[in-house]
């Protein structure tokens, strides 16, 4: 199962790709309040570098932390 894990609950935003219990790749960016601008390009880079698309993802996991990120 391919999993996209997303974290925006701190100053560092991260996107990780896992397959079952194996970490394939993790990308991080520490730009404090620019998660809304930087997260989607970070995910795109993760997909492109691993040759996958959103339709390959079977589960999306995200955190629920003190900071907010809204999908519009």
N, C-alpha and C. Protein backbone atom coordinates (compact mmCIF):
# COMPACT_ATOMS: atom_id res chain seq x y z
N UNK A 1 0.85 -1.18 0.00
CA UNK A 1 0.00 0.00 0.00
C UNK A 1 0.89 1.24 0.00
N UNK A 2 0.66 2.14 -0.95
CA UNK A 2 1.41 3.40 -0.99
C UNK A 2 0.68 4.45 -0.15
N UNK A 3 1.46 5.12 0.70
CA UNK A 3 0.92 6.08 1.66
C UNK A 3 1.61 7.42 1.47
N UNK A 4 0.83 8.49 1.41
CA UNK A 4 1.36 9.85 1.43
C UNK A 4 1.09 10.39 2.83
N UNK A 5 2.15 10.75 3.54
CA UNK A 5 2.02 11.32 4.88
C UNK A 5 2.42 12.79 4.82
N UNK A 6 1.59 13.64 5.40
CA UNK A 6 1.80 15.09 5.34
C UNK A 6 1.79 15.65 6.77
N UNK A 7 2.74 16.53 7.05
CA UNK A 7 2.78 17.18 8.35
C UNK A 7 2.94 18.69 8.16
N UNK A 8 2.06 19.46 8.80
CA UNK A 8 2.14 20.92 8.75
C UNK A 8 1.97 21.51 10.15
N UNK A 9 2.19 20.71 11.18
CA UNK A 9 1.88 21.16 12.54
C UNK A 9 3.02 21.89 13.23
N UNK A 10 4.12 22.14 12.53
CA UNK A 10 5.22 22.87 13.14
C UNK A 10 5.81 23.82 12.11
N UNK A 11 6.94 24.43 12.42
CA UNK A 11 7.59 25.33 11.47
C UNK A 11 8.09 24.60 10.24
N UNK A 12 8.31 23.31 10.37
CA UNK A 12 8.75 22.49 9.25
C UNK A 12 7.56 21.74 8.66
N UNK A 13 7.38 21.88 7.36
CA UNK A 13 6.36 21.11 6.65
C UNK A 13 7.06 19.91 6.03
N UNK A 14 6.39 18.76 6.03
CA UNK A 14 7.01 17.59 5.43
C UNK A 14 5.98 16.77 4.68
N UNK A 15 6.48 16.07 3.68
CA UNK A 15 5.68 15.11 2.92
C UNK A 15 6.54 13.87 2.78
N UNK A 16 5.93 12.72 3.06
CA UNK A 16 6.65 11.46 3.01
C UNK A 16 5.87 10.46 2.17
N UNK A 17 6.60 9.62 1.50
CA UNK A 17 6.02 8.54 0.73
C UNK A 17 6.47 7.23 1.36
N UNK A 18 5.50 6.38 1.67
CA UNK A 18 5.79 5.08 2.25
C UNK A 18 5.15 3.99 1.41
N UNK A 19 5.74 2.83 1.44
CA UNK A 19 5.09 1.65 0.86
C UNK A 19 5.07 0.60 1.94
N UNK A 20 3.86 0.27 2.35
CA UNK A 20 3.64 -0.59 3.51
C UNK A 20 4.36 0.02 4.72
N UNK A 21 5.33 -0.65 5.28
CA UNK A 21 6.01 -0.10 6.46
C UNK A 21 7.41 0.45 6.12
N UNK A 22 7.68 0.65 4.82
CA UNK A 22 8.99 1.12 4.38
C UNK A 22 8.92 2.57 3.92
N UNK A 23 9.78 3.42 4.47
CA UNK A 23 9.88 4.81 4.03
C UNK A 23 10.61 4.86 2.69
N UNK A 24 9.95 5.42 1.68
CA UNK A 24 10.55 5.56 0.36
C UNK A 24 11.34 6.87 0.28
N UNK A 25 10.69 7.98 0.67
CA UNK A 25 11.36 9.28 0.65
C UNK A 25 10.59 10.25 1.53
N UNK A 26 11.34 11.15 2.14
CA UNK A 26 10.74 12.22 2.95
C UNK A 26 11.38 13.54 2.53
N UNK A 27 10.53 14.55 2.32
CA UNK A 27 11.01 15.89 1.98
C UNK A 27 10.51 16.87 3.03
N UNK A 28 11.37 17.78 3.42
CA UNK A 28 11.03 18.78 4.45
C UNK A 28 11.37 20.17 3.96
N UNK A 29 10.62 21.13 4.45
CA UNK A 29 10.93 22.53 4.18
C UNK A 29 10.61 23.33 5.44
N UNK A 30 11.53 24.17 5.82
CA UNK A 30 11.35 24.95 7.04
C UNK A 30 11.25 26.43 6.67
N UNK A 31 10.03 26.85 6.34
CA UNK A 31 9.78 28.24 5.96
C UNK A 31 8.71 28.86 6.83
N UNK A 32 8.53 28.32 8.00
CA UNK A 32 7.57 28.79 9.01
C UNK A 32 6.17 28.98 8.46
N UNK A 33 5.79 30.16 8.03
CA UNK A 33 4.38 30.42 7.73
C UNK A 33 4.02 30.29 6.26
N UNK A 34 4.85 29.59 5.47
CA UNK A 34 4.56 29.47 4.04
C UNK A 34 4.10 28.07 3.64
N UNK A 35 3.60 27.29 4.58
CA UNK A 35 3.15 25.93 4.26
C UNK A 35 2.12 25.94 3.13
N UNK A 36 1.22 26.89 3.14
CA UNK A 36 0.17 26.93 2.12
C UNK A 36 0.74 27.16 0.72
N UNK A 37 1.90 27.77 0.63
CA UNK A 37 2.53 28.01 -0.66
C UNK A 37 3.50 26.91 -1.05
N UNK A 38 4.09 26.25 -0.10
CA UNK A 38 5.19 25.32 -0.37
C UNK A 38 4.81 23.85 -0.33
N UNK A 39 3.70 23.51 0.30
CA UNK A 39 3.38 22.10 0.50
C UNK A 39 3.05 21.38 -0.82
N UNK A 40 2.23 21.95 -1.67
CA UNK A 40 1.86 21.27 -2.91
C UNK A 40 3.07 21.07 -3.84
N UNK A 41 3.96 22.06 -4.02
CA UNK A 41 5.17 21.81 -4.81
C UNK A 41 6.06 20.72 -4.16
N UNK A 42 6.08 20.66 -2.85
CA UNK A 42 6.86 19.64 -2.15
C UNK A 42 6.30 18.25 -2.47
N UNK A 43 4.98 18.11 -2.45
CA UNK A 43 4.34 16.83 -2.78
C UNK A 43 4.57 16.49 -4.25
N UNK A 44 4.48 17.48 -5.13
CA UNK A 44 4.74 17.26 -6.55
C UNK A 44 6.16 16.76 -6.77
N UNK A 45 7.12 17.35 -6.08
CA UNK A 45 8.52 16.91 -6.18
C UNK A 45 8.67 15.46 -5.69
N UNK A 46 7.98 15.13 -4.62
CA UNK A 46 8.00 13.77 -4.08
C UNK A 46 7.46 12.77 -5.10
N UNK A 47 6.34 13.11 -5.72
CA UNK A 47 5.74 12.23 -6.73
C UNK A 47 6.64 12.10 -7.95
N UNK A 48 7.12 13.23 -8.45
CA UNK A 48 7.95 13.25 -9.66
C UNK A 48 9.24 12.44 -9.47
N UNK A 49 9.90 12.63 -8.35
CA UNK A 49 11.17 11.94 -8.13
C UNK A 49 11.00 10.44 -7.92
N UNK A 50 9.77 10.00 -7.64
CA UNK A 50 9.52 8.57 -7.44
C UNK A 50 8.66 7.96 -8.54
N UNK A 51 8.32 8.76 -9.56
CA UNK A 51 7.58 8.26 -10.70
C UNK A 51 6.17 7.78 -10.38
N UNK A 52 5.50 8.48 -9.47
CA UNK A 52 4.14 8.09 -9.13
C UNK A 52 3.19 9.26 -9.33
N UNK A 53 1.90 8.96 -9.31
CA UNK A 53 0.86 9.99 -9.40
C UNK A 53 -0.07 9.84 -8.20
N UNK A 54 -0.96 10.77 -8.06
CA UNK A 54 -1.91 10.72 -6.95
C UNK A 54 -2.76 9.45 -7.01
N UNK A 55 -3.06 8.98 -8.19
CA UNK A 55 -3.88 7.77 -8.30
C UNK A 55 -3.17 6.53 -7.78
N UNK A 56 -1.84 6.59 -7.63
CA UNK A 56 -1.08 5.47 -7.04
C UNK A 56 -1.20 5.43 -5.52
N UNK A 57 -1.59 6.55 -4.92
CA UNK A 57 -1.68 6.65 -3.46
C UNK A 57 -2.97 5.98 -2.98
N UNK A 58 -2.83 5.09 -1.99
CA UNK A 58 -3.98 4.38 -1.45
C UNK A 58 -4.44 4.94 -0.11
N UNK A 59 -3.58 5.72 0.54
CA UNK A 59 -3.93 6.28 1.84
C UNK A 59 -3.19 7.60 2.01
N UNK A 60 -3.88 8.61 2.52
CA UNK A 60 -3.26 9.89 2.86
C UNK A 60 -3.39 10.07 4.36
N UNK A 61 -2.25 10.30 5.01
CA UNK A 61 -2.23 10.50 6.46
C UNK A 61 -1.73 11.91 6.73
N UNK A 62 -2.36 12.59 7.67
CA UNK A 62 -1.91 13.93 8.03
C UNK A 62 -2.05 14.12 9.54
N UNK A 63 -1.30 15.08 10.03
CA UNK A 63 -1.36 15.35 11.47
C UNK A 63 -2.39 16.42 11.78
N UNK A 64 -2.66 16.57 13.03
CA UNK A 64 -3.59 17.59 13.52
C UNK A 64 -2.88 18.30 14.66
N UNK A 65 -2.22 19.38 14.31
CA UNK A 65 -1.38 20.04 15.30
C UNK A 65 -1.81 21.46 15.60
N UNK A 66 -0.93 22.20 16.22
CA UNK A 66 -1.26 23.56 16.66
C UNK A 66 -1.37 24.58 15.54
N UNK A 67 -0.80 24.32 14.40
CA UNK A 67 -0.90 25.27 13.29
C UNK A 67 -1.97 24.81 12.32
N UNK A 68 -2.40 25.71 11.46
CA UNK A 68 -3.50 25.41 10.56
C UNK A 68 -3.04 25.43 9.12
N UNK A 69 -3.58 24.51 8.33
CA UNK A 69 -3.39 24.51 6.89
C UNK A 69 -4.71 24.09 6.28
N UNK A 70 -5.28 24.95 5.49
CA UNK A 70 -6.58 24.67 4.88
C UNK A 70 -6.41 24.36 3.41
N UNK A 71 -7.12 23.34 2.92
CA UNK A 71 -7.12 22.96 1.50
C UNK A 71 -8.27 23.70 0.85
N UNK A 72 -8.00 24.50 -0.14
CA UNK A 72 -9.05 25.22 -0.88
C UNK A 72 -9.07 24.76 -2.31
